[in-house]
């Protein structure tokens, strides 16, 4: 007969699934954020012509539904005979998906910093890294968050 009672083995199985979900989330968000920062800065610094291939790839990752990306990622890794575990495949796909959205946030924040502010920092003798670290990053952080969210 059909039984709907939960057993300890059922709860252990659900707990194992929850732990795996948290692990995939932690890895994907961390890697996606780091990649998103790198891609966002590259899109701003390379200009429209040189960043066009990167923009195209990121737009594809933002446009295609996540479930389709997971299916395609699993199929492509088996076609390429990479032999990745499902955990690795899902982390790679979710990291790229997160990076695509994060790069737009970073690009928008950096783009919102006025060019005159960056020129003023350069005229003070700051290097590109100092300009990004001390001037652009703090201002861009303020611009990245929607008004009233803090």
N, C-alpha and C. Protein backbone atom coordinates (compact mmCIF):
# COMPACT_ATOMS: atom_id res chain seq x y z
N UNK A 1 0.82 -1.17 0.00
CA UNK A 1 0.00 0.00 0.00
C UNK A 1 0.88 1.25 0.00
N UNK A 2 0.33 2.35 -0.43
CA UNK A 2 1.05 3.60 -0.53
C UNK A 2 1.19 4.24 0.84
N UNK A 3 2.45 4.56 1.23
CA UNK A 3 2.70 5.13 2.55
C UNK A 3 3.37 6.49 2.39
N UNK A 4 2.85 7.51 3.07
CA UNK A 4 3.40 8.86 2.95
C UNK A 4 4.21 9.29 4.16
N UNK A 5 4.50 8.40 5.05
CA UNK A 5 5.24 8.74 6.26
C UNK A 5 6.72 8.97 5.92
N UNK A 6 7.32 9.95 6.59
CA UNK A 6 8.75 10.22 6.43
C UNK A 6 9.54 9.35 7.39
N UNK A 7 10.58 8.75 6.86
CA UNK A 7 11.47 7.97 7.72
C UNK A 7 12.77 8.74 7.92
N UNK A 8 13.61 8.21 8.82
CA UNK A 8 14.90 8.86 9.06
C UNK A 8 15.78 8.82 7.82
N UNK A 9 15.68 7.78 7.05
CA UNK A 9 16.49 7.70 5.82
C UNK A 9 16.02 8.74 4.79
N UNK A 10 14.72 9.01 4.76
CA UNK A 10 14.20 10.05 3.88
C UNK A 10 14.72 11.42 4.30
N UNK A 11 14.71 11.70 5.60
CA UNK A 11 15.20 12.97 6.09
C UNK A 11 16.71 13.12 5.86
N UNK A 12 17.45 12.03 6.00
CA UNK A 12 18.89 12.08 5.74
C UNK A 12 19.15 12.36 4.25
N UNK A 13 18.35 11.77 3.40
CA UNK A 13 18.48 12.00 1.96
C UNK A 13 18.17 13.46 1.62
N UNK A 14 17.13 14.03 2.23
CA UNK A 14 16.79 15.44 2.01
C UNK A 14 17.88 16.36 2.55
N UNK A 15 18.45 16.02 3.69
CA UNK A 15 19.53 16.82 4.27
C UNK A 15 20.77 16.78 3.38
N UNK A 16 21.05 15.64 2.81
CA UNK A 16 22.19 15.52 1.89
C UNK A 16 21.97 16.39 0.65
N UNK A 17 20.75 16.40 0.14
CA UNK A 17 20.43 17.25 -1.00
C UNK A 17 20.52 18.73 -0.67
N UNK A 18 20.09 19.10 0.54
CA UNK A 18 20.19 20.50 0.96
C UNK A 18 21.65 20.92 1.11
N UNK A 19 22.49 20.03 1.64
CA UNK A 19 23.92 20.34 1.77
C UNK A 19 24.56 20.50 0.41
N UNK A 20 24.20 19.67 -0.55
CA UNK A 20 24.75 19.78 -1.90
C UNK A 20 24.30 21.08 -2.56
N UNK A 21 23.05 21.46 -2.35
CA UNK A 21 22.54 22.72 -2.89
C UNK A 21 23.30 23.91 -2.32
N UNK A 22 23.55 23.90 -1.03
CA UNK A 22 24.31 24.99 -0.40
C UNK A 22 25.75 25.03 -0.91
N UNK A 23 26.34 23.87 -1.15
CA UNK A 23 27.72 23.84 -1.66
C UNK A 23 27.78 24.39 -3.08
N UNK A 24 26.84 23.98 -3.93
CA UNK A 24 26.81 24.50 -5.30
C UNK A 24 26.57 26.01 -5.29
N UNK A 25 25.69 26.46 -4.42
CA UNK A 25 25.40 27.90 -4.32
C UNK A 25 26.63 28.68 -3.88
N UNK A 26 27.32 28.20 -2.86
CA UNK A 26 28.50 28.91 -2.36
C UNK A 26 29.59 29.00 -3.42
N UNK A 27 29.88 27.90 -4.09
CA UNK A 27 30.92 27.90 -5.13
C UNK A 27 30.51 28.79 -6.30
N UNK A 28 29.28 28.67 -6.75
CA UNK A 28 28.82 29.41 -7.92
C UNK A 28 28.75 30.90 -7.67
N UNK A 29 28.26 31.31 -6.52
CA UNK A 29 28.16 32.74 -6.23
C UNK A 29 29.55 33.35 -6.08
N UNK A 30 30.45 32.64 -5.42
CA UNK A 30 31.81 33.15 -5.24
C UNK A 30 32.53 33.28 -6.59
N UNK A 31 32.53 32.20 -7.36
CA UNK A 31 33.22 32.23 -8.65
C UNK A 31 32.54 33.20 -9.62
N UNK A 32 31.21 33.23 -9.62
CA UNK A 32 30.48 34.12 -10.51
C UNK A 32 30.71 35.59 -10.19
N UNK A 33 30.83 35.91 -8.91
CA UNK A 33 31.09 37.30 -8.53
C UNK A 33 32.49 37.73 -8.95
N UNK A 34 33.47 36.87 -8.71
CA UNK A 34 34.85 37.19 -9.11
C UNK A 34 34.94 37.35 -10.63
N UNK A 35 34.35 36.40 -11.37
CA UNK A 35 34.36 36.51 -12.84
C UNK A 35 33.57 37.73 -13.30
N UNK A 36 32.47 38.03 -12.65
CA UNK A 36 31.66 39.19 -13.02
C UNK A 36 32.42 40.49 -12.84
N UNK A 37 33.19 40.60 -11.76
CA UNK A 37 34.00 41.80 -11.56
C UNK A 37 35.05 41.92 -12.66
N UNK A 38 35.70 40.83 -12.96
CA UNK A 38 36.72 40.84 -14.02
C UNK A 38 36.10 41.20 -15.37
N UNK A 39 35.00 40.55 -15.72
CA UNK A 39 34.35 40.82 -17.01
C UNK A 39 33.80 42.24 -17.08
N UNK A 40 33.25 42.73 -15.97
CA UNK A 40 32.71 44.09 -15.96
C UNK A 40 33.79 45.14 -16.17
N UNK A 41 34.92 44.98 -15.50
CA UNK A 41 36.02 45.92 -15.67
C UNK A 41 36.58 45.82 -17.09
N UNK A 42 36.69 44.59 -17.61
CA UNK A 42 37.18 44.43 -18.99
C UNK A 42 36.26 45.10 -20.00
N UNK A 43 34.96 44.97 -19.79
CA UNK A 43 34.02 45.59 -20.74
C UNK A 43 34.13 47.10 -20.75
N UNK A 44 34.42 47.70 -19.59
CA UNK A 44 34.57 49.15 -19.53
C UNK A 44 35.90 49.58 -20.13
N UNK A 45 36.96 48.87 -19.83
CA UNK A 45 38.30 49.29 -20.23
C UNK A 45 38.62 48.99 -21.68
N UNK A 46 38.07 47.92 -22.25
CA UNK A 46 38.41 47.55 -23.62
C UNK A 46 37.71 48.39 -24.66
N UNK A 47 36.61 49.00 -24.33
CA UNK A 47 35.85 49.77 -25.31
C UNK A 47 34.86 48.90 -26.05
N UNK A 48 34.02 49.53 -26.84
CA UNK A 48 32.90 48.83 -27.48
C UNK A 48 33.37 47.82 -28.53
N UNK A 49 34.38 48.17 -29.30
CA UNK A 49 34.82 47.29 -30.39
C UNK A 49 35.49 46.04 -29.85
N UNK A 50 36.42 46.19 -28.92
CA UNK A 50 37.19 45.06 -28.43
C UNK A 50 36.42 44.18 -27.46
N UNK A 51 35.42 44.74 -26.80
CA UNK A 51 34.66 43.92 -25.85
C UNK A 51 33.41 43.31 -26.48
N UNK A 52 33.23 43.48 -27.78
CA UNK A 52 32.04 42.94 -28.45
C UNK A 52 31.91 41.42 -28.32
N UNK A 53 32.98 40.62 -28.50
CA UNK A 53 32.82 39.17 -28.31
C UNK A 53 32.43 38.80 -26.88
N UNK A 54 33.04 39.46 -25.91
CA UNK A 54 32.70 39.20 -24.52
C UNK A 54 31.26 39.60 -24.24
N UNK A 55 30.84 40.73 -24.77
CA UNK A 55 29.47 41.19 -24.60
C UNK A 55 28.48 40.20 -25.20
N UNK A 56 28.80 39.67 -26.38
CA UNK A 56 27.93 38.69 -27.03
C UNK A 56 27.78 37.44 -26.17
N UNK A 57 28.89 36.91 -25.67
CA UNK A 57 28.84 35.70 -24.85
C UNK A 57 28.05 35.95 -23.56
N UNK A 58 28.28 37.07 -22.93
CA UNK A 58 27.55 37.37 -21.70
C UNK A 58 26.07 37.58 -21.97
N UNK A 59 25.73 38.18 -23.10
CA UNK A 59 24.32 38.34 -23.45
C UNK A 59 23.65 36.99 -23.70
N UNK A 60 24.38 36.07 -24.29
CA UNK A 60 23.83 34.72 -24.49
C UNK A 60 23.55 34.07 -23.14
N UNK A 61 24.49 34.17 -22.21
CA UNK A 61 24.28 33.56 -20.89
C UNK A 61 23.14 34.24 -20.13
N UNK A 62 22.91 35.52 -20.37
CA UNK A 62 21.79 36.18 -19.71
C UNK A 62 20.46 35.88 -20.39
N UNK A 63 20.47 35.61 -21.68
CA UNK A 63 19.23 35.45 -22.45
C UNK A 63 18.68 34.03 -22.41
N UNK A 64 19.54 33.04 -22.39
CA UNK A 64 19.09 31.64 -22.43
C UNK A 64 18.65 31.24 -21.02
N UNK A 65 17.49 30.59 -20.89
CA UNK A 65 17.03 30.16 -19.56
C UNK A 65 18.02 29.22 -18.88
N UNK A 66 18.07 29.30 -17.57
CA UNK A 66 19.06 28.56 -16.80
C UNK A 66 18.93 27.05 -16.96
N UNK A 67 17.72 26.55 -17.00
CA UNK A 67 17.53 25.10 -17.16
C UNK A 67 18.10 24.62 -18.49
N UNK A 68 17.90 25.41 -19.55
CA UNK A 68 18.46 25.06 -20.86
C UNK A 68 19.99 25.07 -20.80
N UNK A 69 20.56 26.05 -20.09
CA UNK A 69 22.01 26.11 -19.96
C UNK A 69 22.55 24.90 -19.22
N UNK A 70 21.87 24.46 -18.18
CA UNK A 70 22.32 23.28 -17.45
C UNK A 70 22.27 22.03 -18.32
N UNK A 71 21.21 21.89 -19.11
CA UNK A 71 21.10 20.73 -20.00
C UNK A 71 22.19 20.78 -21.07
N UNK A 72 22.37 21.98 -21.69
CA UNK A 72 23.41 22.11 -22.71
C UNK A 72 24.81 21.94 -22.13
N UNK A 73 25.04 22.46 -20.94
CA UNK A 73 26.35 22.29 -20.30
C UNK A 73 26.66 20.83 -20.04
N UNK A 74 25.67 20.08 -19.59
CA UNK A 74 25.87 18.66 -19.35
C UNK A 74 26.11 17.92 -20.66
N UNK A 75 25.37 18.29 -21.70
CA UNK A 75 25.55 17.63 -22.99
C UNK A 75 26.91 17.96 -23.60
N UNK A 76 27.31 19.23 -23.52
CA UNK A 76 28.58 19.64 -24.12
C UNK A 76 29.78 19.03 -23.39
N UNK A 77 29.70 18.91 -22.08
CA UNK A 77 30.83 18.30 -21.38
C UNK A 77 30.94 16.82 -21.69
N UNK A 78 29.83 16.15 -21.94
CA UNK A 78 29.91 14.73 -22.31
C UNK A 78 30.36 14.57 -23.76
N UNK A 79 29.97 15.51 -24.65
CA UNK A 79 30.44 15.46 -26.04
C UNK A 79 31.94 15.70 -26.10
N UNK A 80 32.42 16.65 -25.28
CA UNK A 80 33.86 16.96 -25.25
C UNK A 80 34.65 15.93 -24.44
N UNK A 81 33.95 14.96 -23.86
CA UNK A 81 34.56 13.89 -23.07
C UNK A 81 35.41 14.45 -21.92
N UNK A 82 34.85 15.43 -21.22
CA UNK A 82 35.55 16.02 -20.09
C UNK A 82 35.44 15.15 -18.84
N UNK A 83 34.35 14.43 -18.71
CA UNK A 83 34.18 13.53 -17.58
C UNK A 83 33.95 14.24 -16.25
N UNK A 84 33.35 15.42 -16.31
CA UNK A 84 33.08 16.16 -15.09
C UNK A 84 31.93 15.53 -14.32
N UNK A 85 31.99 15.67 -13.02
CA UNK A 85 30.88 15.25 -12.17
C UNK A 85 29.73 16.25 -12.34
N UNK A 86 28.51 15.83 -12.06
CA UNK A 86 27.39 16.77 -12.15
C UNK A 86 27.58 18.01 -11.27
N UNK A 87 28.24 17.86 -10.13
CA UNK A 87 28.52 19.00 -9.25
C UNK A 87 29.38 20.03 -9.98
N UNK A 88 30.43 19.57 -10.64
CA UNK A 88 31.34 20.47 -11.35
C UNK A 88 30.63 21.15 -12.51
N UNK A 89 29.88 20.40 -13.27
CA UNK A 89 29.16 20.98 -14.41
C UNK A 89 28.17 22.05 -13.95
N UNK A 90 27.42 21.75 -12.90
CA UNK A 90 26.45 22.74 -12.41
C UNK A 90 27.15 23.97 -11.85
N UNK A 91 28.29 23.79 -11.19
CA UNK A 91 29.03 24.94 -10.66
C UNK A 91 29.56 25.82 -11.79
N UNK A 92 30.06 25.22 -12.86
CA UNK A 92 30.58 26.00 -13.99
C UNK A 92 29.45 26.77 -14.67
N UNK A 93 28.33 26.11 -14.94
CA UNK A 93 27.22 26.77 -15.63
C UNK A 93 26.63 27.88 -14.76
N UNK A 94 26.41 27.60 -13.49
CA UNK A 94 25.84 28.61 -12.60
C UNK A 94 26.81 29.77 -12.37
N UNK A 95 28.11 29.49 -12.35
CA UNK A 95 29.10 30.56 -12.20
C UNK A 95 29.07 31.49 -13.40
N UNK A 96 28.99 30.94 -14.60
CA UNK A 96 28.93 31.78 -15.80
C UNK A 96 27.62 32.56 -15.87
N UNK A 97 26.54 31.95 -15.43
CA UNK A 97 25.24 32.63 -15.40
C UNK A 97 25.29 33.81 -14.42
N UNK A 98 25.86 33.57 -13.25
CA UNK A 98 25.99 34.64 -12.25
C UNK A 98 26.94 35.72 -12.73
N UNK A 99 28.04 35.32 -13.37
CA UNK A 99 29.02 36.28 -13.87
C UNK A 99 28.41 37.19 -14.94
N UNK A 100 27.51 36.66 -15.75
CA UNK A 100 26.89 37.47 -16.80
C UNK A 100 26.07 38.61 -16.19
N UNK A 101 25.31 38.32 -15.14
CA UNK A 101 24.52 39.36 -14.50
C UNK A 101 25.39 40.30 -13.67
N UNK A 102 26.38 39.74 -12.97
CA UNK A 102 27.24 40.56 -12.13
C UNK A 102 28.09 41.51 -12.98
N UNK A 103 28.51 41.07 -14.15
CA UNK A 103 29.32 41.95 -15.00
C UNK A 103 28.53 43.17 -15.46
N UNK A 104 27.24 43.02 -15.69
CA UNK A 104 26.41 44.17 -16.06
C UNK A 104 26.27 45.15 -14.90
N UNK A 105 26.16 44.63 -13.69
CA UNK A 105 26.06 45.50 -12.52
C UNK A 105 27.36 46.28 -12.34
N UNK A 106 28.48 45.60 -12.47
CA UNK A 106 29.79 46.25 -12.33
C UNK A 106 30.00 47.27 -13.45
N UNK A 107 29.70 46.89 -14.67
CA UNK A 107 29.87 47.79 -15.81
C UNK A 107 29.01 49.03 -15.65
N UNK A 108 27.79 48.85 -15.22
CA UNK A 108 26.90 50.00 -15.02
C UNK A 108 27.38 50.92 -13.92
N UNK A 109 27.90 50.34 -12.83
CA UNK A 109 28.42 51.15 -11.74
C UNK A 109 29.64 51.95 -12.14
N UNK A 110 30.56 51.31 -12.86
CA UNK A 110 31.77 52.01 -13.31
C UNK A 110 31.40 53.06 -14.35
N UNK A 111 30.47 52.72 -15.23
CA UNK A 111 30.06 53.68 -16.25
C UNK A 111 29.35 54.90 -15.69
N UNK A 112 28.78 54.76 -14.48
CA UNK A 112 28.08 55.89 -13.87
C UNK A 112 29.02 56.89 -13.22
N UNK A 113 30.27 56.50 -13.02
CA UNK A 113 31.24 57.44 -12.45
C UNK A 113 31.62 58.44 -13.54
N UNK A 114 31.49 59.72 -13.27
CA UNK A 114 31.78 60.72 -14.32
C UNK A 114 33.24 60.64 -14.80
N UNK A 115 33.42 60.85 -16.10
CA UNK A 115 34.76 60.81 -16.68
C UNK A 115 35.64 61.92 -16.12
N UNK A 116 35.02 63.04 -15.75
CA UNK A 116 35.80 64.14 -15.19
C UNK A 116 36.41 63.76 -13.84
N UNK A 117 35.72 62.93 -13.09
CA UNK A 117 36.26 62.46 -11.81
C UNK A 117 37.49 61.60 -12.04
N UNK A 118 37.41 60.74 -13.04
CA UNK A 118 38.56 59.88 -13.35
C UNK A 118 39.72 60.71 -13.89
N UNK A 119 39.43 61.72 -14.69
CA UNK A 119 40.51 62.58 -15.20
C UNK A 119 41.16 63.36 -14.07
N UNK A 120 40.37 63.79 -13.10
CA UNK A 120 40.91 64.51 -11.95
C UNK A 120 41.85 63.61 -11.15
N UNK A 121 41.48 62.36 -10.99
CA UNK A 121 42.35 61.42 -10.27
C UNK A 121 43.66 61.22 -11.03
N UNK A 122 43.58 61.12 -12.34
CA UNK A 122 44.79 60.96 -13.15
C UNK A 122 45.66 62.20 -13.10
N UNK A 123 45.02 63.36 -13.06
CA UNK A 123 45.81 64.59 -13.02
C UNK A 123 46.53 64.77 -11.68
N UNK A 124 46.04 64.08 -10.65
CA UNK A 124 46.72 64.10 -9.36
C UNK A 124 47.89 63.12 -9.31
N UNK A 125 48.10 62.39 -10.38
CA UNK A 125 49.22 61.47 -10.46
C UNK A 125 48.89 60.04 -10.06
N UNK A 126 47.62 59.72 -9.94
CA UNK A 126 47.24 58.36 -9.58
C UNK A 126 47.41 57.43 -10.78
N UNK A 127 47.81 56.20 -10.51
CA UNK A 127 47.88 55.20 -11.57
C UNK A 127 46.47 54.68 -11.84
N UNK A 128 46.34 53.84 -12.84
CA UNK A 128 45.03 53.27 -13.17
C UNK A 128 44.48 52.47 -11.99
N UNK A 129 45.36 51.66 -11.36
CA UNK A 129 44.93 50.83 -10.23
C UNK A 129 44.51 51.69 -9.05
N UNK A 130 45.27 52.75 -8.77
CA UNK A 130 44.89 53.64 -7.67
C UNK A 130 43.57 54.34 -7.97
N UNK A 131 43.39 54.75 -9.20
CA UNK A 131 42.14 55.39 -9.61
C UNK A 131 40.97 54.44 -9.41
N UNK A 132 41.11 53.20 -9.84
CA UNK A 132 40.03 52.23 -9.68
C UNK A 132 39.78 51.91 -8.21
N UNK A 133 40.84 51.78 -7.42
CA UNK A 133 40.68 51.36 -6.03
C UNK A 133 40.14 52.47 -5.13
N UNK A 134 40.68 53.64 -5.25
CA UNK A 134 40.34 54.71 -4.31
C UNK A 134 39.23 55.66 -4.78
N UNK A 135 39.03 55.74 -6.08
CA UNK A 135 38.05 56.69 -6.60
C UNK A 135 36.85 55.96 -7.21
N UNK A 136 37.10 55.15 -8.22
CA UNK A 136 36.01 54.55 -9.00
C UNK A 136 35.25 53.49 -8.21
N UNK A 137 35.95 52.58 -7.54
CA UNK A 137 35.26 51.49 -6.83
C UNK A 137 34.32 52.01 -5.74
N UNK A 138 34.74 52.94 -4.89
CA UNK A 138 33.76 53.43 -3.89
C UNK A 138 32.57 54.15 -4.51
N UNK A 139 32.82 54.97 -5.53
CA UNK A 139 31.70 55.66 -6.17
C UNK A 139 30.80 54.69 -6.92
N UNK A 140 31.41 53.73 -7.61
CA UNK A 140 30.62 52.74 -8.36
C UNK A 140 29.79 51.89 -7.42
N UNK A 141 30.30 51.60 -6.24
CA UNK A 141 29.52 50.82 -5.28
C UNK A 141 28.26 51.56 -4.88
N UNK A 142 28.38 52.84 -4.72
CA UNK A 142 27.20 53.64 -4.39
C UNK A 142 26.19 53.63 -5.52
N UNK A 143 26.66 53.68 -6.76
CA UNK A 143 25.76 53.72 -7.92
C UNK A 143 25.13 52.36 -8.21
N UNK A 144 25.76 51.27 -7.77
CA UNK A 144 25.27 49.93 -8.10
C UNK A 144 23.99 49.57 -7.36
N UNK A 145 23.81 50.11 -6.17
CA UNK A 145 22.64 49.77 -5.39
C UNK A 145 21.47 50.66 -5.74
N UNK A 146 20.27 50.12 -5.81
CA UNK A 146 19.11 50.96 -6.11
C UNK A 146 18.83 51.94 -4.97
N UNK A 147 18.23 53.09 -5.28
CA UNK A 147 17.94 54.07 -4.24
C UNK A 147 16.97 53.51 -3.21
N UNK A 148 17.23 53.80 -1.95
CA UNK A 148 16.34 53.37 -0.88
C UNK A 148 16.57 51.95 -0.41
N UNK A 149 17.61 51.26 -0.91
CA UNK A 149 17.82 49.88 -0.51
C UNK A 149 18.68 49.75 0.72
N UNK A 150 19.35 50.83 1.11
CA UNK A 150 20.27 50.70 2.26
C UNK A 150 19.67 51.20 3.53
